Amino acid sequence: MSNYYEIVASLLVALVITVFFSGVLKHKGPWGAVWLVFVTIFLASWAGYLWINPFGPMVMGVSVMPIFVVGLIFAFILAAVTVPTPVKKKELVTEEEVSPTTVAIGIFFWIVLLILIIAIATGYYRMPVNSQQLVQ
């Protein structure tokens, strides 16, 4: 059974990565909302911990390197799919003028979110039942 510290570690890593990308790099992600980037990085790092063999330093029984590496990879993916804002004057976009890119990125978000939740659920399902199975 898991000790559930991986959830706290995933939250902390996602928070650090999100603060770095939004604060230092001034990057709000493809949806324009930092909290959506945080949720995506959090779920991805949590799922990564459940599916990747542990490596690196252990903190309170949790290997933090898989969480950090997967979080960074997803942060870079989110940075890559972000549509750059033009340097010109911003024009107000009315609700009728929703670009196909915005719709595609919204669909991308929901598909990724669903896949990550399924990966977390199946990651816990495939875990050993007790600590004796971890040794063998």
C-alpha atoms as a PDB file:
ATOM      1  CA  MET A   1       0.000   0.000   0.000  1.00  0.00           C
ATOM      2  CA  SER A   2       1.180   3.500  -0.688  1.00  0.00           C
ATOM      3  CA  ASN A   3       2.030   6.014   2.022  1.00  0.00           C
ATOM      4  CA  TYR A   4       0.325   8.836   0.065  1.00  0.00           C
ATOM      5  CA  TYR A   5       3.252  11.198   0.551  1.00  0.00           C
ATOM      6  CA  GLU A   6       3.582  11.098  -3.228  1.00  0.00           C
ATOM      7  CA  ILE A   7       0.483  13.302  -3.424  1.00  0.00           C
ATOM      8  CA  VAL A   8       2.103  15.940  -1.222  1.00  0.00           C
ATOM      9  CA  ALA A   9       5.369  15.667  -3.150  1.00  0.00           C
ATOM     10  CA  SER A  10       3.485  16.030  -6.444  1.00  0.00           C
ATOM     11  CA  LEU A  11       1.663  19.089  -5.110  1.00  0.00           C
ATOM     12  CA  LEU A  12       4.912  20.721  -4.009  1.00  0.00           C
ATOM     13  CA  VAL A  13       6.748  19.951  -7.252  1.00  0.00           C
ATOM     14  CA  ALA A  14       3.811  21.168  -9.334  1.00  0.00           C
ATOM     15  CA  LEU A  15       3.659  24.346  -7.263  1.00  0.00           C
ATOM     16  CA  VAL A  16       7.385  25.040  -7.695  1.00  0.00           C
ATOM     17  CA  ILE A  17       7.317  24.373 -11.442  1.00  0.00           C
ATOM     18  CA  THR A  18       4.158  26.439 -11.949  1.00  0.00           C
ATOM     19  CA  VAL A  19       5.543  29.366  -9.946  1.00  0.00           C
ATOM     20  CA  PHE A  20       8.760  29.217 -11.959  1.00  0.00           C
ATOM     21  CA  PHE A  21       7.012  29.098 -15.320  1.00  0.00           C
ATOM     22  CA  SER A  22       4.404  31.733 -14.459  1.00  0.00           C
ATOM     23  CA  GLY A  23       6.477  34.038 -12.263  1.00  0.00           C
ATOM     24  CA  VAL A  24       9.945  33.939 -13.747  1.00  0.00           C
ATOM     25  CA  LEU A  25       9.151  33.143 -17.371  1.00  0.00           C
ATOM     26  CA  LYS A  26       5.793  35.001 -17.447  1.00  0.00           C
ATOM     27  CA  HIS A  27       4.120  31.987 -19.028  1.00  0.00           C
ATOM     28  CA  LYS A  28       0.445  31.332 -18.254  1.00  0.00           C
ATOM     29  CA  GLY A  29       0.032  28.213 -20.325  1.00  0.00           C
ATOM     30  CA  PRO A  30      -2.157  27.480 -23.320  1.00  0.00           C
ATOM     31  CA  TRP A  31      -5.387  28.279 -21.469  1.00  0.00           C
ATOM     32  CA  GLY A  32      -4.333  31.629 -20.035  1.00  0.00           C
ATOM     33  CA  ALA A  33      -4.969  30.399 -16.497  1.00  0.00           C
ATOM     34  CA  VAL A  34      -2.119  29.403 -14.219  1.00  0.00           C
ATOM     35  CA  TRP A  35      -4.286  27.123 -12.089  1.00  0.00           C
ATOM     36  CA  LEU A  36      -5.037  24.893 -15.092  1.00  0.00           C
ATOM     37  CA  VAL A  37      -1.317  24.528 -15.715  1.00  0.00           C
ATOM     38  CA  PHE A  38      -0.851  23.666 -12.030  1.00  0.00           C
ATOM     39  CA  VAL A  39      -3.575  20.996 -12.129  1.00  0.00           C
ATOM     40  CA  THR A  40      -2.127  19.451 -15.291  1.00  0.00           C
ATOM     41  CA  ILE A  41       1.431  19.349 -13.935  1.00  0.00           C
ATOM     42  CA  PHE A  42       0.194  17.996 -10.590  1.00  0.00           C
ATOM     43  CA  LEU A  43      -1.776  15.141 -12.169  1.00  0.00           C
ATOM     44  CA  ALA A  44       1.049  14.337 -14.589  1.00  0.00           C
ATOM     45  CA  SER A  45       3.696  14.194 -11.867  1.00  0.00           C
ATOM     46  CA  TRP A  46       1.444  12.086  -9.650  1.00  0.00           C
ATOM     47  CA  ALA A  47       0.774   9.630 -12.483  1.00  0.00           C
ATOM     48  CA  GLY A  48       4.478   9.611 -13.349  1.00  0.00           C
ATOM     49  CA  TYR A  49       5.355   8.593  -9.806  1.00  0.00           C
ATOM     50  CA  LEU A  50       2.923   5.684  -9.982  1.00  0.00           C
ATOM     51  CA  TRP A  51       4.170   4.371 -13.332  1.00  0.00           C
ATOM     52  CA  ILE A  52       7.924   5.046 -13.371  1.00  0.00           C
ATOM     53  CA  ASN A  53      10.369   2.914 -11.397  1.00  0.00           C
ATOM     54  CA  PRO A  54      11.760   4.943  -8.493  1.00  0.00           C
ATOM     55  CA  PHE A  55      15.182   6.518  -8.923  1.00  0.00           C
ATOM     56  CA  GLY A  56      17.046   9.315  -7.251  1.00  0.00           C
ATOM     57  CA  PRO A  57      16.839  10.513  -3.670  1.00  0.00           C
ATOM     58  CA  MET A  58      14.119   9.324  -1.320  1.00  0.00           C
ATOM     59  CA  VAL A  59      12.314  11.862   0.862  1.00  0.00           C
ATOM     60  CA  MET A  60       9.930  10.379   3.445  1.00  0.00           C
ATOM     61  CA  GLY A  61       9.738   7.172   1.439  1.00  0.00           C
ATOM     62  CA  VAL A  62       8.990   8.906  -1.866  1.00  0.00           C
ATOM     63  CA  SER A  63      11.391   9.007  -4.787  1.00  0.00           C
ATOM     64  CA  VAL A  64      11.135  12.631  -5.921  1.00  0.00           C
ATOM     65  CA  MET A  65      13.036  12.406  -9.207  1.00  0.00           C
ATOM     66  CA  PRO A  66      10.243  10.749 -11.244  1.00  0.00           C
ATOM     67  CA  ILE A  67       7.826  13.390  -9.957  1.00  0.00           C
ATOM     68  CA  PHE A  68      10.189  16.239 -10.840  1.00  0.00           C
ATOM     69  CA  VAL A  69      11.182  14.893 -14.267  1.00  0.00           C
ATOM     70  CA  VAL A  70       7.599  14.195 -15.378  1.00  0.00           C
ATOM     71  CA  GLY A  71       6.486  17.588 -14.053  1.00  0.00           C
ATOM     72  CA  LEU A  72       9.194  19.352 -16.053  1.00  0.00           C
ATOM     73  CA  ILE A  73       8.395  17.388 -19.199  1.00  0.00           C
ATOM     74  CA  PHE A  74       4.720  18.328 -18.978  1.00  0.00           C
ATOM     75  CA  ALA A  75       5.603  21.962 -18.260  1.00  0.00           C
ATOM     76  CA  PHE A  76       7.712  22.073 -21.407  1.00  0.00           C
ATOM     77  CA  ILE A  77       4.937  20.395 -23.409  1.00  0.00           C
ATOM     78  CA  LEU A  78       2.441  22.976 -22.164  1.00  0.00           C
ATOM     79  CA  ALA A  79       4.887  25.739 -23.049  1.00  0.00           C
ATOM     80  CA  ALA A  80       5.277  24.287 -26.522  1.00  0.00           C
ATOM     81  CA  VAL A  81       1.547  24.111 -27.291  1.00  0.00           C
ATOM     82  CA  THR A  82       0.911  27.656 -26.121  1.00  0.00           C
ATOM     83  CA  VAL A  83       0.008  30.002 -28.921  1.00  0.00           C
ATOM     84  CA  PRO A  84       2.313  33.008 -28.713  1.00  0.00           C
ATOM     85  CA  THR A  85       0.560  36.302 -28.160  1.00  0.00           C
ATOM     86  CA  PRO A  86       1.218  38.878 -30.852  1.00  0.00           C
ATOM     87  CA  VAL A  87       3.262  41.924 -29.903  1.00  0.00           C
ATOM     88  CA  LYS A  88       0.791  44.218 -31.674  1.00  0.00           C
ATOM     89  CA  LYS A  89      -2.058  45.994 -29.989  1.00  0.00           C
ATOM     90  CA  LYS A  90      -4.468  43.551 -28.488  1.00  0.00           C
ATOM     91  CA  GLU A  91      -7.899  43.635 -30.016  1.00  0.00           C
ATOM     92  CA  LEU A  92     -10.898  42.658 -28.030  1.00  0.00           C
ATOM     93  CA  VAL A  93     -12.171  39.243 -29.042  1.00  0.00           C
ATOM     94  CA  THR A  94     -15.895  38.918 -28.988  1.00  0.00           C
ATOM     95  CA  GLU A  95     -17.545  35.681 -28.038  1.00  0.00           C
ATOM     96  CA  GLU A  96     -18.463  34.961 -31.643  1.00  0.00           C
ATOM     97  CA  GLU A  97     -14.802  35.035 -32.685  1.00  0.00           C
ATOM     98  CA  VAL A  98     -13.480  31.902 -31.016  1.00  0.00           C
ATOM     99  CA  SER A  99     -10.515  30.637 -32.989  1.00  0.00           C
ATOM    100  CA  PRO A 100     -10.179  26.977 -33.935  1.00  0.00           C
ATOM    101  CA  THR A 101      -6.852  26.937 -32.109  1.00  0.00           C
ATOM    102  CA  THR A 102      -8.550  27.840 -28.838  1.00  0.00           C
ATOM    103  CA  VAL A 103     -11.104  25.066 -29.295  1.00  0.00           C
ATOM    104  CA  ALA A 104      -8.372  22.543 -30.120  1.00  0.00           C
ATOM    105  CA  ILE A 105      -6.352  23.484 -27.044  1.00  0.00           C
ATOM    106  CA  GLY A 106      -9.486  23.179 -24.888  1.00  0.00           C
ATOM    107  CA  ILE A 107     -10.167  19.710 -26.254  1.00  0.00           C
ATOM    108  CA  PHE A 108      -6.494  18.842 -25.724  1.00  0.00           C
ATOM    109  CA  PHE A 109      -6.802  19.867 -22.051  1.00  0.00           C
ATOM    110  CA  TRP A 110      -9.824  17.678 -21.357  1.00  0.00           C
ATOM    111  CA  ILE A 111      -8.337  14.671 -23.145  1.00  0.00           C
ATOM    112  CA  VAL A 112      -5.047  14.995 -21.242  1.00  0.00           C
ATOM    113  CA  LEU A 113      -6.910  15.446 -17.951  1.00  0.00           C
ATOM    114  CA  LEU A 114      -8.991  12.312 -18.570  1.00  0.00           C
ATOM    115  CA  ILE A 115      -5.925  10.270 -19.547  1.00  0.00           C
ATOM    116  CA  LEU A 116      -4.032  11.407 -16.439  1.00  0.00           C
ATOM    117  CA  ILE A 117      -6.912  10.525 -14.114  1.00  0.00           C
ATOM    118  CA  ILE A 118      -7.182   7.086 -15.718  1.00  0.00           C
ATOM    119  CA  ALA A 119      -3.391   6.652 -15.383  1.00  0.00           C
ATOM    120  CA  ILE A 120      -3.556   7.522 -11.673  1.00  0.00           C
ATOM    121  CA  ALA A 121      -6.458   5.150 -11.042  1.00  0.00           C
ATOM    122  CA  THR A 122      -4.815   2.253 -12.876  1.00  0.00           C
ATOM    123  CA  GLY A 123      -1.485   3.064 -11.190  1.00  0.00           C
ATOM    124  CA  TYR A 124      -3.055   2.482  -7.801  1.00  0.00           C
ATOM    125  CA  TYR A 125      -4.906  -0.580  -9.091  1.00  0.00           C
ATOM    126  CA  ARG A 126      -1.696  -2.256 -10.234  1.00  0.00           C
ATOM    127  CA  MET A 127       0.214  -1.496  -6.994  1.00  0.00           C
ATOM    128  CA  PRO A 128       1.121  -4.358  -4.690  1.00  0.00           C
ATOM    129  CA  VAL A 129      -1.377  -4.991  -1.917  1.00  0.00           C
ATOM    130  CA  ASN A 130       1.137  -5.189   0.923  1.00  0.00           C
ATOM    131  CA  SER A 131       4.768  -4.465   1.591  1.00  0.00           C
ATOM    132  CA  GLN A 132       5.702  -8.162   1.348  1.00  0.00           C
ATOM    133  CA  GLN A 133       5.025  -8.038  -2.386  1.00  0.00           C
ATOM    134  CA  LEU A 134       7.417  -5.116  -2.732  1.00  0.00           C
ATOM    135  CA  VAL A 135      10.303  -7.236  -1.399  1.00  0.00           C
ATOM    136  CA  GLN A 136       9.705 -10.211  -3.694  1.00  0.00           C
END
